[in-house]
């Protein structure tokens, strides 16, 4: 039986494992490839704070993910297939490492994020592909 997501160490394991999978993914990796090593570490740190806040309500994340993704979308269009792949990878990684209430909450939060991002970036701009 796998354990549930319980603390910051578990968040770091989830985030690190997820982004290791992203690095190997031909569809998603081009959106991250431009990050230099220093920027990559900052990105991971922001993700730790984001997911820690999303699951444990720590208040440690103060960023605006939608704004950042809008900038990315303007440079390189994010399509429906990217949201699907992101969710598939996130769910797969989460399920491979954890089970329980917080693991399910992480997947629900990821789904909600994808829906809102897709609505704000793809549907509202009127520029979308499948």
Protein backbone atom coordinates (compact mmCIF):
# COMPACT_ATOMS: atom_id res chain seq x y z
CA UNK A 1 0.00 0.00 0.00
CA UNK A 2 1.30 3.44 -0.94
CA UNK A 3 1.24 6.30 1.50
CA UNK A 4 -0.60 9.57 1.09
CA UNK A 5 1.02 12.96 0.49
CA UNK A 6 1.82 14.11 4.02
CA UNK A 7 4.44 16.87 3.94
CA UNK A 8 6.86 19.07 2.00
CA UNK A 9 9.17 16.12 1.25
CA UNK A 10 6.28 14.32 -0.41
CA UNK A 11 5.43 17.46 -2.42
CA UNK A 12 9.05 17.68 -3.58
CA UNK A 13 9.02 14.01 -4.61
CA UNK A 14 5.80 14.52 -6.58
CA UNK A 15 7.01 17.70 -8.30
CA UNK A 16 10.48 16.34 -9.07
CA UNK A 17 9.11 13.08 -10.45
CA UNK A 18 6.50 14.90 -12.51
CA UNK A 19 9.04 17.27 -14.06
CA UNK A 20 11.43 14.39 -14.74
CA UNK A 21 8.60 12.92 -16.81
CA UNK A 22 7.98 16.29 -18.49
CA UNK A 23 11.66 16.43 -19.50
CA UNK A 24 11.15 13.16 -21.41
CA UNK A 25 7.89 14.21 -23.03
CA UNK A 26 8.21 15.44 -26.63
CA UNK A 27 4.90 17.32 -26.50
CA UNK A 28 5.42 19.21 -23.22
CA UNK A 29 9.19 19.61 -22.96
CA UNK A 30 9.48 22.34 -25.64
CA UNK A 31 7.53 24.68 -23.34
CA UNK A 32 10.16 24.25 -20.62
CA UNK A 33 13.35 23.70 -22.62
CA UNK A 34 14.28 27.39 -22.68
CA UNK A 35 14.64 27.50 -18.91
CA UNK A 36 18.27 27.63 -17.90
CA UNK A 37 19.42 25.48 -14.99
CA UNK A 38 19.11 28.38 -12.51
CA UNK A 39 15.63 29.18 -13.79
CA UNK A 40 14.71 25.50 -13.67
CA UNK A 41 15.52 25.30 -9.98
CA UNK A 42 13.49 28.47 -9.32
CA UNK A 43 10.60 26.92 -11.24
CA UNK A 44 10.75 23.78 -9.10
CA UNK A 45 10.88 25.85 -5.91
CA UNK A 46 7.77 27.78 -7.02
CA UNK A 47 6.04 24.48 -7.77
CA UNK A 48 6.86 23.14 -4.30
CA UNK A 49 5.30 26.26 -2.76
CA UNK A 50 2.32 26.12 -5.11
CA UNK A 51 1.46 22.49 -4.39
CA UNK A 52 2.20 22.79 -0.68
CA UNK A 53 -0.30 25.65 -0.54
CA UNK A 54 -2.81 23.82 -2.76
CA UNK A 55 -2.79 20.75 -0.53
CA UNK A 56 -1.95 22.08 2.94
CA UNK A 57 -3.12 25.72 2.72
CA UNK A 58 0.25 27.08 3.88
CA UNK A 59 -0.15 30.48 2.24
CA UNK A 60 3.42 30.24 0.96
CA UNK A 61 2.62 30.71 -2.73
CA UNK A 62 1.89 34.22 -3.94
CA UNK A 63 2.34 33.88 -7.72
CA UNK A 64 -0.06 34.26 -10.63
CA UNK A 65 0.10 31.10 -12.75
CA UNK A 66 -2.46 32.34 -15.26
CA UNK A 67 -0.40 35.43 -16.04
CA UNK A 68 2.74 33.34 -16.59
CA UNK A 69 0.90 30.90 -18.84
CA UNK A 70 -0.64 33.74 -20.86
CA UNK A 71 2.89 34.93 -21.69
CA UNK A 72 3.87 31.41 -22.74
CA UNK A 73 0.68 31.03 -24.79
CA UNK A 74 1.43 34.27 -26.67
CA UNK A 75 4.87 32.96 -27.67
CA UNK A 76 3.98 29.32 -28.28
CA UNK A 77 0.31 28.40 -28.39
CA UNK A 78 -0.85 25.98 -25.74
CA UNK A 79 -3.42 23.64 -27.23
CA UNK A 80 -6.01 21.24 -25.84
CA UNK A 81 -3.64 18.32 -26.39
CA UNK A 82 -1.07 19.96 -24.09
CA UNK A 83 -3.58 20.21 -21.25
CA UNK A 84 -4.58 16.57 -21.74
CA UNK A 85 -0.97 15.39 -21.72
CA UNK A 86 -0.14 17.51 -18.65
CA UNK A 87 -3.07 15.97 -16.78
CA UNK A 88 -2.28 12.44 -17.95
CA UNK A 89 1.31 12.79 -16.74
CA UNK A 90 0.34 14.41 -13.45
CA UNK A 91 -2.26 11.75 -12.69
CA UNK A 92 0.11 8.94 -13.68
CA UNK A 93 2.96 10.26 -11.53
CA UNK A 94 0.68 10.92 -8.57
CA UNK A 95 -0.86 7.44 -8.78
CA UNK A 96 2.57 5.82 -9.09
CA UNK A 97 3.79 7.43 -5.87
CA UNK A 98 0.82 8.01 -3.59
CA UNK A 99 -2.71 7.07 -2.66
CA UNK A 100 -5.14 8.63 -0.26
CA UNK A 101 -7.08 11.80 0.41
CA UNK A 102 -4.30 14.30 -0.37
CA UNK A 103 -3.25 12.40 -3.50
CA UNK A 104 -6.84 12.58 -4.74
CA UNK A 105 -6.99 16.26 -3.80
CA UNK A 106 -3.80 16.89 -5.79
CA UNK A 107 -5.36 15.27 -8.86
CA UNK A 108 -8.59 17.23 -8.38
CA UNK A 109 -6.65 20.49 -8.04
CA UNK A 110 -4.61 19.65 -11.16
CA UNK A 111 -7.81 18.95 -13.08
CA UNK A 112 -9.38 22.22 -11.92
CA UNK A 113 -6.24 24.14 -12.87
CA UNK A 114 -6.21 22.59 -16.33
CA UNK A 115 -9.89 23.41 -16.89
CA UNK A 116 -9.48 27.04 -15.82
CA UNK A 117 -6.25 27.52 -17.79
CA UNK A 118 -7.79 25.97 -20.89
CA UNK A 119 -10.88 28.15 -20.54
CA UNK A 120 -8.85 31.33 -20.03
CA UNK A 121 -6.12 30.63 -22.59
CA UNK A 122 -7.64 28.52 -25.31
CA UNK A 123 -11.40 29.06 -25.32
CA UNK A 124 -11.59 32.76 -24.40
CA UNK A 125 -8.89 33.75 -26.87
CA UNK A 126 -10.77 31.96 -29.62
CA UNK A 127 -7.51 30.36 -30.75
CA UNK A 128 -7.57 26.64 -30.11
CA UNK A 129 -6.81 23.31 -31.62
CA UNK A 130 -7.52 19.80 -30.42
